[in-house]
């Protein structure tokens, strides 16, 4: 289950969740993008009449290599702007940032539910690429899940406690294969909505 962050209350929950995970891991909290699209990953409360818990976050931001607040481009980061295919599709390229799952929910089958969020964003905004600096373990998991649609671009960057892999995800390639999308969403489990098509 997930929600798109639209209200101040939802934004507050997003910030609390993300900033808590940043503090626990020693991560830098980049500014919240004004044009960012944020999602809260939800888990059912212990009792159905209680509000759902925000257990994870993800932010999508339109890619602009000139943006001084870019989470992927610039000094101490990566140089996606050197790649012709990224520049050619810049208007359909999105940065992924603020991706987290609270520690108490890790390794309990919740992480695949982010696939539902990726699907919702892809259907709504029709991106060609997602780009990100992703933790090494998460990169491996995405590579296993999406195969050739996931590509490392450049050398890993040393992050706090782990290496960050500059990643390009050709989400358009995945979305073009309805059978694969259905399978991935089915595997994601709870929160799966029927496949939606662009348009």
C-alpha atoms as a PDB file:
ATOM      1  CA  UNK A   1       0.000   0.000   0.000  1.00  0.00           C
ATOM      2  CA  UNK A   2       1.149   3.527  -0.651  1.00  0.00           C
ATOM      3  CA  UNK A   3      -0.033   7.101  -0.795  1.00  0.00           C
ATOM      4  CA  UNK A   4       1.097  10.034  -2.907  1.00  0.00           C
ATOM      5  CA  UNK A   5       2.153  12.871  -0.626  1.00  0.00           C
ATOM      6  CA  UNK A   6      -0.334  15.690  -1.183  1.00  0.00           C
ATOM      7  CA  UNK A   7      -1.168  17.078   2.259  1.00  0.00           C
ATOM      8  CA  UNK A   8       0.931  18.720   4.959  1.00  0.00           C
ATOM      9  CA  UNK A   9       0.167  15.781   7.252  1.00  0.00           C
ATOM     10  CA  UNK A  10       1.450  13.295   4.653  1.00  0.00           C
ATOM     11  CA  UNK A  11       4.543  15.460   4.068  1.00  0.00           C
ATOM     12  CA  UNK A  12       5.204  15.577   7.816  1.00  0.00           C
ATOM     13  CA  UNK A  13       5.036  11.753   7.997  1.00  0.00           C
ATOM     14  CA  UNK A  14       7.344  11.519   4.963  1.00  0.00           C
ATOM     15  CA  UNK A  15       9.876  13.858   6.599  1.00  0.00           C
ATOM     16  CA  UNK A  16       9.721  12.089   9.971  1.00  0.00           C
ATOM     17  CA  UNK A  17      10.313   8.706   8.351  1.00  0.00           C
ATOM     18  CA  UNK A  18      13.064   9.828   5.984  1.00  0.00           C
ATOM     19  CA  UNK A  19      14.904  12.008   8.505  1.00  0.00           C
ATOM     20  CA  UNK A  20      14.820   9.254  11.129  1.00  0.00           C
ATOM     21  CA  UNK A  21      16.411   6.797   8.675  1.00  0.00           C
ATOM     22  CA  UNK A  22      19.005   9.449   7.693  1.00  0.00           C
ATOM     23  CA  UNK A  23      19.914   9.947  11.342  1.00  0.00           C
ATOM     24  CA  UNK A  24      20.223   6.188  11.979  1.00  0.00           C
ATOM     25  CA  UNK A  25      22.491   5.684   8.949  1.00  0.00           C
ATOM     26  CA  UNK A  26      24.500   8.912   9.006  1.00  0.00           C
ATOM     27  CA  UNK A  27      23.105   9.966   5.612  1.00  0.00           C
ATOM     28  CA  UNK A  28      22.940  13.560   4.387  1.00  0.00           C
ATOM     29  CA  UNK A  29      19.382  14.843   4.093  1.00  0.00           C
ATOM     30  CA  UNK A  30      19.218  16.628   0.740  1.00  0.00           C
ATOM     31  CA  UNK A  31      16.656  19.438   0.386  1.00  0.00           C
ATOM     32  CA  UNK A  32      13.092  18.450  -0.470  1.00  0.00           C
ATOM     33  CA  UNK A  33      12.582  19.203  -4.161  1.00  0.00           C
ATOM     34  CA  UNK A  34       9.852  21.745  -4.904  1.00  0.00           C
ATOM     35  CA  UNK A  35       8.913  19.791  -8.024  1.00  0.00           C
ATOM     36  CA  UNK A  36       9.417  16.398  -6.392  1.00  0.00           C
ATOM     37  CA  UNK A  37       6.755  13.705  -6.398  1.00  0.00           C
ATOM     38  CA  UNK A  38       6.836  11.911  -3.059  1.00  0.00           C
ATOM     39  CA  UNK A  39       5.269   8.636  -1.960  1.00  0.00           C
ATOM     40  CA  UNK A  40       4.807   7.087   1.462  1.00  0.00           C
ATOM     41  CA  UNK A  41       4.975   3.291   1.675  1.00  0.00           C
ATOM     42  CA  UNK A  42       2.310   2.121   4.123  1.00  0.00           C
ATOM     43  CA  UNK A  43       1.727  -0.892   6.337  1.00  0.00           C
ATOM     44  CA  UNK A  44      -1.578  -1.792   7.923  1.00  0.00           C
ATOM     45  CA  UNK A  45      -1.715  -0.930  11.612  1.00  0.00           C
ATOM     46  CA  UNK A  46      -2.089  -3.787  14.057  1.00  0.00           C
ATOM     47  CA  UNK A  47      -5.800  -3.028  14.294  1.00  0.00           C
ATOM     48  CA  UNK A  48      -7.718  -2.175  11.092  1.00  0.00           C
ATOM     49  CA  UNK A  49      -9.451   0.846  12.654  1.00  0.00           C
ATOM     50  CA  UNK A  50      -6.092   2.563  13.287  1.00  0.00           C
ATOM     51  CA  UNK A  51      -4.301   4.698  10.709  1.00  0.00           C
ATOM     52  CA  UNK A  52      -1.794   2.942   8.470  1.00  0.00           C
ATOM     53  CA  UNK A  53       1.878   3.334   9.388  1.00  0.00           C
ATOM     54  CA  UNK A  54       4.362   5.076   7.085  1.00  0.00           C
ATOM     55  CA  UNK A  55       7.213   2.577   6.834  1.00  0.00           C
ATOM     56  CA  UNK A  56       9.133   3.889   3.835  1.00  0.00           C
ATOM     57  CA  UNK A  57       9.590   6.796   1.447  1.00  0.00           C
ATOM     58  CA  UNK A  58      10.670   7.597  -2.101  1.00  0.00           C
ATOM     59  CA  UNK A  59      10.969  10.895  -3.984  1.00  0.00           C
ATOM     60  CA  UNK A  60      11.049  11.353  -7.768  1.00  0.00           C
ATOM     61  CA  UNK A  61      12.436  14.615  -9.166  1.00  0.00           C
ATOM     62  CA  UNK A  62      12.623  15.706 -12.817  1.00  0.00           C
ATOM     63  CA  UNK A  63      16.279  15.483 -13.857  1.00  0.00           C
ATOM     64  CA  UNK A  64      18.044  18.763 -14.555  1.00  0.00           C
ATOM     65  CA  UNK A  65      21.851  18.610 -14.666  1.00  0.00           C
ATOM     66  CA  UNK A  66      22.010  22.360 -13.899  1.00  0.00           C
ATOM     67  CA  UNK A  67      19.966  21.975 -10.701  1.00  0.00           C
ATOM     68  CA  UNK A  68      22.281  22.826  -7.776  1.00  0.00           C
ATOM     69  CA  UNK A  69      20.156  20.567  -5.534  1.00  0.00           C
ATOM     70  CA  UNK A  70      20.366  17.551  -7.848  1.00  0.00           C
ATOM     71  CA  UNK A  71      20.856  14.383  -5.848  1.00  0.00           C
ATOM     72  CA  UNK A  72      22.791  12.671  -8.646  1.00  0.00           C
ATOM     73  CA  UNK A  73      24.647  15.327 -10.646  1.00  0.00           C
ATOM     74  CA  UNK A  74      27.520  17.554  -9.609  1.00  0.00           C
ATOM     75  CA  UNK A  75      30.697  17.693  -7.548  1.00  0.00           C
ATOM     76  CA  UNK A  76      31.025  14.739  -5.180  1.00  0.00           C
ATOM     77  CA  UNK A  77      28.207  13.028  -7.090  1.00  0.00           C
ATOM     78  CA  UNK A  78      27.968  11.536 -10.558  1.00  0.00           C
ATOM     79  CA  UNK A  79      28.012  12.903 -14.102  1.00  0.00           C
ATOM     80  CA  UNK A  80      24.939  11.514 -15.839  1.00  0.00           C
ATOM     81  CA  UNK A  81      25.040  14.568 -18.129  1.00  0.00           C
ATOM     82  CA  UNK A  82      27.978  13.061 -20.056  1.00  0.00           C
ATOM     83  CA  UNK A  83      25.730  10.314 -21.443  1.00  0.00           C
ATOM     84  CA  UNK A  84      24.071  11.109 -24.765  1.00  0.00           C
ATOM     85  CA  UNK A  85      21.033   8.891 -24.154  1.00  0.00           C
ATOM     86  CA  UNK A  86      20.281  10.660 -20.858  1.00  0.00           C
ATOM     87  CA  UNK A  87      20.578  14.127 -22.428  1.00  0.00           C
ATOM     88  CA  UNK A  88      18.487  13.047 -25.406  1.00  0.00           C
ATOM     89  CA  UNK A  89      15.666  12.033 -23.030  1.00  0.00           C
ATOM     90  CA  UNK A  90      16.291  14.605 -20.291  1.00  0.00           C
ATOM     91  CA  UNK A  91      12.641  15.706 -20.249  1.00  0.00           C
ATOM     92  CA  UNK A  92      11.648  12.083 -19.520  1.00  0.00           C
ATOM     93  CA  UNK A  93      14.368  11.331 -16.975  1.00  0.00           C
ATOM     94  CA  UNK A  94      13.666  11.374 -13.243  1.00  0.00           C
ATOM     95  CA  UNK A  95      16.008  11.214 -10.268  1.00  0.00           C
ATOM     96  CA  UNK A  96      15.137   8.795  -7.478  1.00  0.00           C
ATOM     97  CA  UNK A  97      15.990  10.003  -3.992  1.00  0.00           C
ATOM     98  CA  UNK A  98      14.917   9.615  -0.370  1.00  0.00           C
ATOM     99  CA  UNK A  99      14.339   5.899  -0.853  1.00  0.00           C
ATOM    100  CA  UNK A 100      14.143   4.163   2.496  1.00  0.00           C
ATOM    101  CA  UNK A 101      12.429   1.426   4.449  1.00  0.00           C
ATOM    102  CA  UNK A 102      12.387   1.660   8.242  1.00  0.00           C
ATOM    103  CA  UNK A 103      14.709  -0.830   9.895  1.00  0.00           C
ATOM    104  CA  UNK A 104      11.924  -2.725  11.685  1.00  0.00           C
ATOM    105  CA  UNK A 105      10.330  -3.554   8.314  1.00  0.00           C
ATOM    106  CA  UNK A 106      13.474  -4.638   6.453  1.00  0.00           C
ATOM    107  CA  UNK A 107      13.818  -8.307   5.491  1.00  0.00           C
ATOM    108  CA  UNK A 108      10.116  -8.846   6.171  1.00  0.00           C
ATOM    109  CA  UNK A 109       8.823  -8.778   2.606  1.00  0.00           C
ATOM    110  CA  UNK A 110       7.889  -5.095   2.409  1.00  0.00           C
ATOM    111  CA  UNK A 111      10.584  -3.866   0.030  1.00  0.00           C
ATOM    112  CA  UNK A 112       9.025  -5.372  -3.119  1.00  0.00           C
ATOM    113  CA  UNK A 113       6.005  -3.138  -2.496  1.00  0.00           C
ATOM    114  CA  UNK A 114       8.103  -0.269  -3.851  1.00  0.00           C
ATOM    115  CA  UNK A 115       7.430  -1.896  -7.250  1.00  0.00           C
ATOM    116  CA  UNK A 116       3.829  -0.705  -6.939  1.00  0.00           C
ATOM    117  CA  UNK A 117       5.089   2.846  -6.430  1.00  0.00           C
ATOM    118  CA  UNK A 118       7.474   2.628  -9.400  1.00  0.00           C
ATOM    119  CA  UNK A 119       4.599   1.328 -11.510  1.00  0.00           C
ATOM    120  CA  UNK A 120       2.252   4.128 -10.425  1.00  0.00           C
ATOM    121  CA  UNK A 121       4.856   6.808 -11.151  1.00  0.00           C
ATOM    122  CA  UNK A 122       5.784   5.242 -14.507  1.00  0.00           C
ATOM    123  CA  UNK A 123       2.153   5.085 -15.635  1.00  0.00           C
ATOM    124  CA  UNK A 124       1.430   8.634 -14.478  1.00  0.00           C
ATOM    125  CA  UNK A 125       4.551  10.387 -15.841  1.00  0.00           C
ATOM    126  CA  UNK A 126       5.796   8.106 -18.683  1.00  0.00           C
ATOM    127  CA  UNK A 127       9.507   8.328 -17.858  1.00  0.00           C
ATOM    128  CA  UNK A 128      12.158   6.862 -20.119  1.00  0.00           C
ATOM    129  CA  UNK A 129      14.819   6.641 -17.406  1.00  0.00           C
ATOM    130  CA  UNK A 130      15.176   6.698 -13.656  1.00  0.00           C
ATOM    131  CA  UNK A 131      18.643   7.655 -12.433  1.00  0.00           C
ATOM    132  CA  UNK A 132      19.962   7.372  -8.918  1.00  0.00           C
ATOM    133  CA  UNK A 133      22.887   6.811  -6.629  1.00  0.00           C
ATOM    134  CA  UNK A 134      21.867   3.506  -5.059  1.00  0.00           C
ATOM    135  CA  UNK A 135      23.366   1.477  -2.241  1.00  0.00           C
ATOM    136  CA  UNK A 136      25.311  -1.520  -3.507  1.00  0.00           C
ATOM    137  CA  UNK A 137      22.959  -4.150  -2.003  1.00  0.00           C
ATOM    138  CA  UNK A 138      19.877  -2.444  -3.399  1.00  0.00           C
ATOM    139  CA  UNK A 139      21.534  -2.113  -6.814  1.00  0.00           C
ATOM    140  CA  UNK A 140      22.162  -5.876  -6.878  1.00  0.00           C
ATOM    141  CA  UNK A 141      18.537  -6.558  -5.952  1.00  0.00           C
ATOM    142  CA  UNK A 142      17.282  -4.265  -8.741  1.00  0.00           C
ATOM    143  CA  UNK A 143      19.682  -5.850 -11.232  1.00  0.00           C
ATOM    144  CA  UNK A 144      18.354  -9.314 -10.350  1.00  0.00           C
ATOM    145  CA  UNK A 145      14.738  -8.101 -10.613  1.00  0.00           C
ATOM    146  CA  UNK A 146      14.983  -5.996 -13.795  1.00  0.00           C
ATOM    147  CA  UNK A 147      18.029  -7.466 -15.571  1.00  0.00           C
ATOM    148  CA  UNK A 148      19.282  -5.521 -18.590  1.00  0.00           C
ATOM    149  CA  UNK A 149      17.008  -2.543 -17.814  1.00  0.00           C
ATOM    150  CA  UNK A 150      19.348  -1.702 -14.896  1.00  0.00           C
ATOM    151  CA  UNK A 151      22.821  -0.446 -15.751  1.00  0.00           C
ATOM    152  CA  UNK A 152      25.716   0.912 -13.728  1.00  0.00           C
ATOM    153  CA  UNK A 153      27.091   4.145 -15.203  1.00  0.00           C
ATOM    154  CA  UNK A 154      30.442   5.147 -13.817  1.00  0.00           C
ATOM    155  CA  UNK A 155      32.503   4.215 -10.808  1.00  0.00           C
ATOM    156  CA  UNK A 156      30.903   3.632  -7.396  1.00  0.00           C
ATOM    157  CA  UNK A 157      31.011   6.568  -4.990  1.00  0.00           C
ATOM    158  CA  UNK A 158      32.056   6.001  -1.414  1.00  0.00           C
ATOM    159  CA  UNK A 159      29.083   6.686   0.852  1.00  0.00           C
ATOM    160  CA  UNK A 160      28.636   6.445   4.612  1.00  0.00           C
ATOM    161  CA  UNK A 161      29.027   2.749   5.356  1.00  0.00           C
ATOM    162  CA  UNK A 162      28.570   1.569   1.770  1.00  0.00           C
ATOM    163  CA  UNK A 163      29.309   2.344  -1.870  1.00  0.00           C
ATOM    164  CA  UNK A 164      26.740   4.188  -3.954  1.00  0.00           C
ATOM    165  CA  UNK A 165      26.280   2.894  -7.493  1.00  0.00           C
ATOM    166  CA  UNK A 166      25.384   5.399 -10.256  1.00  0.00           C
ATOM    167  CA  UNK A 167      22.418   3.623 -11.827  1.00  0.00           C
ATOM    168  CA  UNK A 168      20.312   4.102 -14.944  1.00  0.00           C
ATOM    169  CA  UNK A 169      16.997   2.241 -15.018  1.00  0.00           C
ATOM    170  CA  UNK A 170      15.374   2.044 -18.470  1.00  0.00           C
ATOM    171  CA  UNK A 171      11.861   1.907 -17.057  1.00  0.00           C
ATOM    172  CA  UNK A 172      10.315   2.400 -20.503  1.00  0.00           C
ATOM    173  CA  UNK A 173      11.830  -0.933 -21.582  1.00  0.00           C
ATOM    174  CA  UNK A 174      10.233  -2.695 -18.602  1.00  0.00           C
ATOM    175  CA  UNK A 175       6.838  -0.992 -19.020  1.00  0.00           C
ATOM    176  CA  UNK A 176       6.707  -2.070 -22.677  1.00  0.00           C
ATOM    177  CA  UNK A 177       6.537  -5.715 -21.548  1.00  0.00           C
ATOM    178  CA  UNK A 178       3.059  -6.087 -19.995  1.00  0.00           C
ATOM    179  CA  UNK A 179       3.709  -9.700 -18.984  1.00  0.00           C
ATOM    180  CA  UNK A 180       6.815  -8.762 -17.012  1.00  0.00           C
ATOM    181  CA  UNK A 181       5.015  -5.838 -15.367  1.00  0.00           C
ATOM    182  CA  UNK A 182       2.113  -8.069 -14.306  1.00  0.00           C
ATOM    183  CA  UNK A 183       4.517 -10.672 -12.911  1.00  0.00           C
ATOM    184  CA  UNK A 184       6.515  -8.085 -10.956  1.00  0.00           C
ATOM    185  CA  UNK A 185       3.378  -6.519  -9.499  1.00  0.00           C
ATOM    186  CA  UNK A 186       2.002  -9.927  -8.586  1.00  0.00           C
ATOM    187  CA  UNK A 187       5.269 -10.718  -6.816  1.00  0.00           C
ATOM    188  CA  UNK A 188       5.075  -7.378  -4.994  1.00  0.00           C
ATOM    189  CA  UNK A 189       1.940  -8.684  -3.309  1.00  0.00           C
ATOM    190  CA  UNK A 190      -0.209  -6.497  -1.089  1.00  0.00           C
ATOM    191  CA  UNK A 191      -1.151  -3.184  -2.599  1.00  0.00           C
ATOM    192  CA  UNK A 192      -1.053  -4.499  -6.179  1.00  0.00           C
ATOM    193  CA  UNK A 193      -3.480  -2.793  -8.435  1.00  0.00           C
ATOM    194  CA  UNK A 194      -4.335  -4.115 -11.904  1.00  0.00           C
ATOM    195  CA  UNK A 195      -1.954  -3.072 -14.667  1.00  0.00           C
ATOM    196  CA  UNK A 196      -2.703   0.419 -15.914  1.00  0.00           C
ATOM    197  CA  UNK A 197      -1.714   1.583 -19.356  1.00  0.00           C
ATOM    198  CA  UNK A 198      -0.406   5.054 -20.227  1.00  0.00           C
ATOM    199  CA  UNK A 199      -2.986   7.471 -21.572  1.00  0.00           C
END
